[in-house]
C-alpha atoms as a PDB file:
ATOM      1  CA  MET A   1      12.425  16.663  -5.119  1.00  0.00           C
ATOM      2  CA  SER A   2      12.962  17.040  -8.857  1.00  0.00           C
ATOM      3  CA  SER A   3      15.159  20.095  -8.272  1.00  0.00           C
ATOM      4  CA  LYS A   4      17.422  18.139  -5.889  1.00  0.00           C
ATOM      5  CA  ILE A   5      18.267  15.315  -8.307  1.00  0.00           C
ATOM      6  CA  PRO A   6      20.935  16.154 -10.895  1.00  0.00           C
ATOM      7  CA  SER A   7      19.366  16.234 -14.357  1.00  0.00           C
ATOM      8  CA  ASP A   8      21.693  13.535 -15.675  1.00  0.00           C
ATOM      9  CA  ARG A   9      20.551  11.181 -12.860  1.00  0.00           C
ATOM     10  CA  PHE A  10      16.847  11.946 -13.177  1.00  0.00           C
ATOM     11  CA  PRO A  11      16.081   9.091 -15.632  1.00  0.00           C
ATOM     12  CA  ALA A  12      17.692   6.586 -13.249  1.00  0.00           C
ATOM     13  CA  ALA A  13      15.782   8.040 -10.305  1.00  0.00           C
ATOM     14  CA  ILE A  14      12.473   7.682 -12.133  1.00  0.00           C
ATOM     15  CA  ALA A  15      13.307   4.125 -13.214  1.00  0.00           C
ATOM     16  CA  LEU A  16      14.090   3.215  -9.610  1.00  0.00           C
ATOM     17  CA  MET A  17      11.362   5.141  -7.813  1.00  0.00           C
ATOM     18  CA  PHE A  18       8.188   4.720  -9.881  1.00  0.00           C
ATOM     19  CA  PRO A  19       7.992   0.915  -9.759  1.00  0.00           C
ATOM     20  CA  LEU A  20       8.181   1.133  -5.964  1.00  0.00           C
ATOM     21  CA  LEU A  21       5.250   3.552  -5.665  1.00  0.00           C
ATOM     22  CA  ASP A  22       1.626   2.496  -5.424  1.00  0.00           C
ATOM     23  CA  LEU A  23      -0.875   3.916  -7.903  1.00  0.00           C
ATOM     24  CA  ASN A  24      -1.959   6.811  -5.667  1.00  0.00           C
ATOM     25  CA  ASP A  25       1.635   7.934  -5.162  1.00  0.00           C
ATOM     26  CA  ARG A  26       2.433   7.564  -8.874  1.00  0.00           C
ATOM     27  CA  VAL A  27      -0.514   9.808  -9.712  1.00  0.00           C
ATOM     28  CA  THR A  28       0.420  12.329  -7.014  1.00  0.00           C
ATOM     29  CA  VAL A  29       4.043  12.597  -8.136  1.00  0.00           C
ATOM     30  CA  THR A  30       3.073  12.796 -11.809  1.00  0.00           C
ATOM     31  CA  ARG A  31       0.514  15.541 -11.151  1.00  0.00           C
ATOM     32  CA  GLY A  32       2.972  17.446  -8.986  1.00  0.00           C
ATOM     33  CA  TRP A  33       5.636  17.367 -11.653  1.00  0.00           C
ATOM     34  CA  MET A  34       3.096  18.421 -14.281  1.00  0.00           C
ATOM     35  CA  MET A  35       2.179  21.445 -12.156  1.00  0.00           C
ATOM     36  CA  PHE A  36       5.691  22.548 -11.273  1.00  0.00           C
ATOM     37  CA  MET A  37       7.746  21.647 -14.361  1.00  0.00           C
ATOM     38  CA  PRO A  38       7.641  23.700 -17.523  1.00  0.00           C
ATOM     39  CA  PRO A  39       5.659  21.811 -20.200  1.00  0.00           C
ATOM     40  CA  GLN A  40       8.735  21.122 -22.335  1.00  0.00           C
ATOM     41  CA  VAL A  41      10.558  19.621 -19.339  1.00  0.00           C
ATOM     42  CA  PHE A  42       7.597  17.457 -18.351  1.00  0.00           C
ATOM     43  CA  ALA A  43       7.327  16.316 -21.985  1.00  0.00           C
ATOM     44  CA  SER A  44      10.796  14.785 -21.623  1.00  0.00           C
ATOM     45  CA  ILE A  45       9.892  13.185 -18.279  1.00  0.00           C
ATOM     46  CA  LYS A  46       6.573  11.661 -19.363  1.00  0.00           C
ATOM     47  CA  PRO A  47       8.114   8.865 -21.503  1.00  0.00           C
ATOM     48  CA  LEU A  48      10.494   8.012 -18.645  1.00  0.00           C
ATOM     49  CA  ILE A  49       7.544   7.531 -16.299  1.00  0.00           C
ATOM     50  CA  LYS A  50       5.673   5.540 -18.936  1.00  0.00           C
ATOM     51  CA  SER A  51       8.677   3.269 -19.437  1.00  0.00           C
ATOM     52  CA  ALA A  52       9.231   2.804 -15.699  1.00  0.00           C
ATOM     53  CA  VAL A  53       5.668   1.671 -15.022  1.00  0.00           C
ATOM     54  CA  ALA A  54       4.939  -0.037 -18.377  1.00  0.00           C
ATOM     55  CA  GLU A  55       1.788  -1.990 -17.506  1.00  0.00           C
ATOM     56  CA  GLY A  56       0.685   0.615 -14.941  1.00  0.00           C
ATOM     57  CA  TRP A  57       0.695   3.564 -17.333  1.00  0.00           C
ATOM     58  CA  ASP A  58      -2.943   3.130 -18.380  1.00  0.00           C
ATOM     59  CA  MET A  59      -4.074   3.413 -14.760  1.00  0.00           C
ATOM     60  CA  ILE A  60      -2.044   6.595 -14.251  1.00  0.00           C
ATOM     61  CA  ALA A  61      -3.462   8.055 -17.472  1.00  0.00           C
ATOM     62  CA  GLN A  62      -7.030   7.182 -16.429  1.00  0.00           C
ATOM     63  CA  ARG A  63      -6.595   8.953 -13.112  1.00  0.00           C
ATOM     64  CA  THR A  64      -4.696  11.857 -14.676  1.00  0.00           C
ATOM     65  CA  PRO A  65      -6.690  12.879 -17.761  1.00  0.00           C
ATOM     66  CA  GLU A  66      -4.673  16.074 -18.089  1.00  0.00           C
ATOM     67  CA  LEU A  67      -1.762  13.885 -19.287  1.00  0.00           C
ATOM     68  CA  ASN A  68      -3.538  13.771 -22.637  1.00  0.00           C
ATOM     69  CA  ASP A  69      -3.360  17.573 -22.811  1.00  0.00           C
ATOM     70  CA  LYS A  70       0.417  17.592 -22.328  1.00  0.00           C
ATOM     71  CA  GLN A  71       3.014  17.003 -24.990  1.00  0.00           C
ATOM     72  CA  SER A  72       4.182  13.391 -25.371  1.00  0.00           C
END
């Protein structure tokens, strides 16, 4: 999915999509992107996810401890 969205539209896609997902789907998408994106690319995506889910970020981070190993 991330390869199909133009890079300039990716922030808008995250802002739209993540609030609509339940916690399980947020974790699944985040883990998938972590696995398939180069670390420097995911580092630029991580704050977009965090911003899109604001109050839900702590739950994603609890269920995805490897987020702490990745760059901000």
